[in-house]
């Protein structure tokens, strides 16, 4: 396991994983739950999050070849800020619904329609939130260069992104934390 990946796995185990009976956002039942916000909203873990994503991107040859980083509110916001802090890139958020006042729209933050974008998320089983963000960012006019998340629980996200021609670099997958994919 890469150094930042191992550090992320350690803090996820310490702060974010609970075992029991849970219903996931995907509707699936699980014997464990990852509340990524217990890590991503901790100041003492932000560097770990940013470093782990940067390390995963470098490993698949993406590096820092993007202009901005963001994803769907709320889970992706601290992840995007962590990556922006490490990389010096701009970050933004995709609202779940367009705002009806001010400048409106679903994008919050400094994103331009010509930007090359890295889409992030904290965790996913089927990738619904990540794909929703990808679609909204593409609709805004940006080019999606890659997508990443801290934990791929289900092993299905990569195929959904591949269908859209988007590179995928998860930091961890469920077996890295001792759980089966899709469990």
Protein backbone atom coordinates (compact mmCIF):
# COMPACT_ATOMS: atom_id res chain seq x y z
CA UNK A 1 0.00 0.00 0.00
CA UNK A 2 1.29 3.48 -0.90
CA UNK A 3 2.22 5.72 2.11
CA UNK A 4 -0.64 8.23 1.80
CA UNK A 5 -3.07 5.42 0.94
CA UNK A 6 -2.02 3.61 4.14
CA UNK A 7 -2.43 6.80 6.18
CA UNK A 8 -5.92 7.31 4.74
CA UNK A 9 -6.89 3.70 5.49
CA UNK A 10 -5.71 4.16 9.09
CA UNK A 11 -7.76 7.32 9.74
CA UNK A 12 -10.84 5.84 8.02
CA UNK A 13 -10.59 2.80 10.31
CA UNK A 14 -10.07 4.99 13.37
CA UNK A 15 -12.77 7.61 12.79
CA UNK A 16 -15.18 6.65 10.02
CA UNK A 17 -16.12 2.96 9.97
CA UNK A 18 -18.98 1.56 12.01
CA UNK A 19 -20.17 -2.03 11.93
CA UNK A 20 -23.83 -3.01 12.34
CA UNK A 21 -26.86 -3.09 10.06
CA UNK A 22 -27.17 -0.20 7.59
CA UNK A 23 -29.09 0.82 4.50
CA UNK A 24 -26.80 2.63 2.07
CA UNK A 25 -27.72 5.54 -0.22
CA UNK A 26 -27.84 2.96 -3.02
CA UNK A 27 -30.62 1.16 -1.11
CA UNK A 28 -28.41 -1.85 -0.46
CA UNK A 29 -28.03 -3.37 2.99
CA UNK A 30 -24.58 -3.52 4.57
CA UNK A 31 -22.93 -4.78 7.73
CA UNK A 32 -20.60 -1.77 7.76
CA UNK A 33 -20.86 1.93 7.11
CA UNK A 34 -18.26 4.49 6.17
CA UNK A 35 -19.05 8.05 7.23
CA UNK A 36 -16.28 9.75 5.26
CA UNK A 37 -17.15 13.14 6.72
CA UNK A 38 -15.75 11.95 10.06
CA UNK A 39 -12.36 12.16 8.32
CA UNK A 40 -12.81 14.77 5.57
CA UNK A 41 -14.14 17.41 7.96
CA UNK A 42 -11.15 17.01 10.32
CA UNK A 43 -8.40 19.58 9.95
CA UNK A 44 -5.82 17.03 11.10
CA UNK A 45 -6.84 14.71 8.23
CA UNK A 46 -7.12 17.13 5.28
CA UNK A 47 -3.49 16.74 4.26
CA UNK A 48 -3.86 12.96 4.38
CA UNK A 49 -6.92 13.17 2.11
CA UNK A 50 -5.22 15.52 -0.37
CA UNK A 51 -1.98 13.53 -0.40
CA UNK A 52 -3.80 10.21 -0.88
CA UNK A 53 -5.69 11.50 -3.91
CA UNK A 54 -2.59 13.15 -5.37
CA UNK A 55 -0.71 9.87 -4.92
CA UNK A 56 -3.49 7.84 -6.60
CA UNK A 57 -3.61 10.24 -9.56
CA UNK A 58 0.15 10.09 -10.02
CA UNK A 59 0.09 6.29 -9.95
CA UNK A 60 -2.29 6.15 -12.95
CA UNK A 61 -0.44 8.87 -14.87
CA UNK A 62 -2.95 11.70 -14.42
CA UNK A 63 -0.83 13.80 -12.10
CA UNK A 64 -2.01 17.40 -11.87
CA UNK A 65 -3.26 17.78 -15.45
CA UNK A 66 -6.49 19.56 -14.49
CA UNK A 67 -7.55 23.14 -13.73
CA UNK A 68 -10.15 22.64 -11.00
CA UNK A 69 -11.41 19.95 -8.63
CA UNK A 70 -14.93 19.45 -7.31
CA UNK A 71 -17.94 17.27 -6.88
CA UNK A 72 -21.45 16.99 -5.55
CA UNK A 73 -22.32 18.77 -2.28
CA UNK A 74 -21.89 17.87 0.57
CA UNK A 75 -19.54 14.87 0.63
CA UNK A 76 -17.21 16.04 -2.10
CA UNK A 77 -16.68 19.58 -0.80
CA UNK A 78 -14.01 18.87 1.85
CA UNK A 79 -12.36 16.32 -0.47
CA UNK A 80 -12.12 18.95 -3.21
CA UNK A 81 -10.74 21.51 -0.75
CA UNK A 82 -8.13 19.00 0.49
CA UNK A 83 -6.96 18.33 -3.09
CA UNK A 84 -6.98 22.06 -3.89
CA UNK A 85 -4.84 22.76 -0.82
CA UNK A 86 -2.25 20.17 -1.85
CA UNK A 87 -2.31 20.92 -5.60
CA UNK A 88 -2.88 24.68 -5.64
CA UNK A 89 -5.83 24.16 -8.03
CA UNK A 90 -9.23 25.83 -7.75
CA UNK A 91 -12.09 23.93 -6.09
CA UNK A 92 -15.84 24.10 -6.57
CA UNK A 93 -19.05 22.31 -5.62
CA UNK A 94 -22.00 21.04 -7.61
CA UNK A 95 -25.31 21.79 -5.92
CA UNK A 96 -27.96 19.09 -5.87
CA UNK A 97 -30.40 21.60 -7.36
CA UNK A 98 -29.96 24.90 -9.19
CA UNK A 99 -30.10 27.93 -6.95
CA UNK A 100 -33.13 30.14 -7.61
CA UNK A 101 -31.47 33.41 -6.60
CA UNK A 102 -28.22 35.29 -7.21
CA UNK A 103 -26.44 34.01 -10.31
CA UNK A 104 -28.32 30.70 -10.01
CA UNK A 105 -27.05 27.45 -11.46
CA UNK A 106 -25.71 24.30 -9.91
CA UNK A 107 -22.02 25.27 -9.76
CA UNK A 108 -20.65 27.09 -6.71
CA UNK A 109 -17.10 28.40 -6.84
CA UNK A 110 -14.51 29.43 -9.41
CA UNK A 111 -15.20 27.09 -12.33
CA UNK A 112 -15.02 28.11 -15.99
CA UNK A 113 -16.77 26.25 -18.83
CA UNK A 114 -13.41 25.66 -20.53
CA UNK A 115 -11.76 24.06 -17.47
CA UNK A 116 -10.32 20.56 -17.35
CA UNK A 117 -11.80 19.04 -14.19
CA UNK A 118 -11.02 16.36 -11.63
CA UNK A 119 -14.27 15.08 -10.06
CA UNK A 120 -14.05 13.80 -6.48
CA UNK A 121 -16.27 12.06 -3.93
CA UNK A 122 -15.68 10.62 -0.47
CA UNK A 123 -17.18 7.14 -0.96
CA UNK A 124 -19.43 5.29 -3.38
CA UNK A 125 -21.12 1.94 -3.81
CA UNK A 126 -22.75 2.41 -7.21
CA UNK A 127 -21.41 5.89 -7.99
CA UNK A 128 -24.74 7.67 -8.39
CA UNK A 129 -23.55 10.94 -6.78
CA UNK A 130 -20.25 10.89 -8.65
CA UNK A 131 -22.01 10.35 -11.99
CA UNK A 132 -24.53 13.11 -11.16
CA UNK A 133 -21.61 15.49 -10.58
CA UNK A 134 -19.88 14.35 -13.80
CA UNK A 135 -23.06 15.01 -15.79
CA UNK A 136 -23.64 18.46 -14.26
CA UNK A 137 -20.01 19.51 -14.81
CA UNK A 138 -20.08 18.25 -18.41
CA UNK A 139 -23.35 20.11 -18.99
CA UNK A 140 -21.65 23.27 -17.70
CA UNK A 141 -19.12 22.83 -20.52
CA UNK A 142 -16.07 21.44 -18.76
CA UNK A 143 -13.91 18.52 -19.83
CA UNK A 144 -13.72 15.80 -17.18
CA UNK A 145 -10.15 14.47 -17.16
CA UNK A 146 -10.58 11.99 -14.30
CA UNK A 147 -12.64 11.01 -11.30
CA UNK A 148 -11.48 9.73 -7.94
CA UNK A 149 -12.87 8.91 -4.54
CA UNK A 150 -11.50 7.95 -1.18
CA UNK A 151 -13.28 4.58 -1.03
CA UNK A 152 -14.94 2.48 -3.70
CA UNK A 153 -17.23 0.15 -1.72
CA UNK A 154 -18.99 -1.53 -4.61
CA UNK A 155 -16.56 -1.91 -7.49
CA UNK A 156 -19.11 -0.56 -10.01
CA UNK A 157 -17.99 3.05 -10.37
CA UNK A 158 -15.11 2.36 -12.75
CA UNK A 159 -17.35 0.75 -15.37
CA UNK A 160 -19.84 3.63 -15.26
CA UNK A 161 -17.02 6.13 -15.77
CA UNK A 162 -15.40 4.03 -18.51
CA UNK A 163 -18.69 4.20 -20.44
CA UNK A 164 -18.24 7.99 -20.42
CA UNK A 165 -14.54 7.77 -21.34
CA UNK A 166 -13.38 9.10 -17.98
CA UNK A 167 -10.20 7.89 -16.26
CA UNK A 168 -10.79 6.54 -12.75
CA UNK A 169 -8.36 6.41 -9.83
CA UNK A 170 -9.91 5.29 -6.53
CA UNK A 171 -7.63 5.71 -3.52
CA UNK A 172 -8.98 2.64 -1.68
CA UNK A 173 -11.39 -0.17 -2.43
CA UNK A 174 -13.40 -2.05 0.19
CA UNK A 175 -10.94 -5.00 0.44
CA UNK A 176 -8.19 -2.51 1.44
CA UNK A 177 -10.20 -2.01 4.64
CA UNK A 178 -11.02 -5.69 5.12
CA UNK A 179 -14.48 -5.75 3.50
CA UNK A 180 -15.73 -7.46 0.34
CA UNK A 181 -16.70 -5.29 -2.64
CA UNK A 182 -20.42 -4.66 -2.56
CA UNK A 183 -20.74 -5.76 1.06
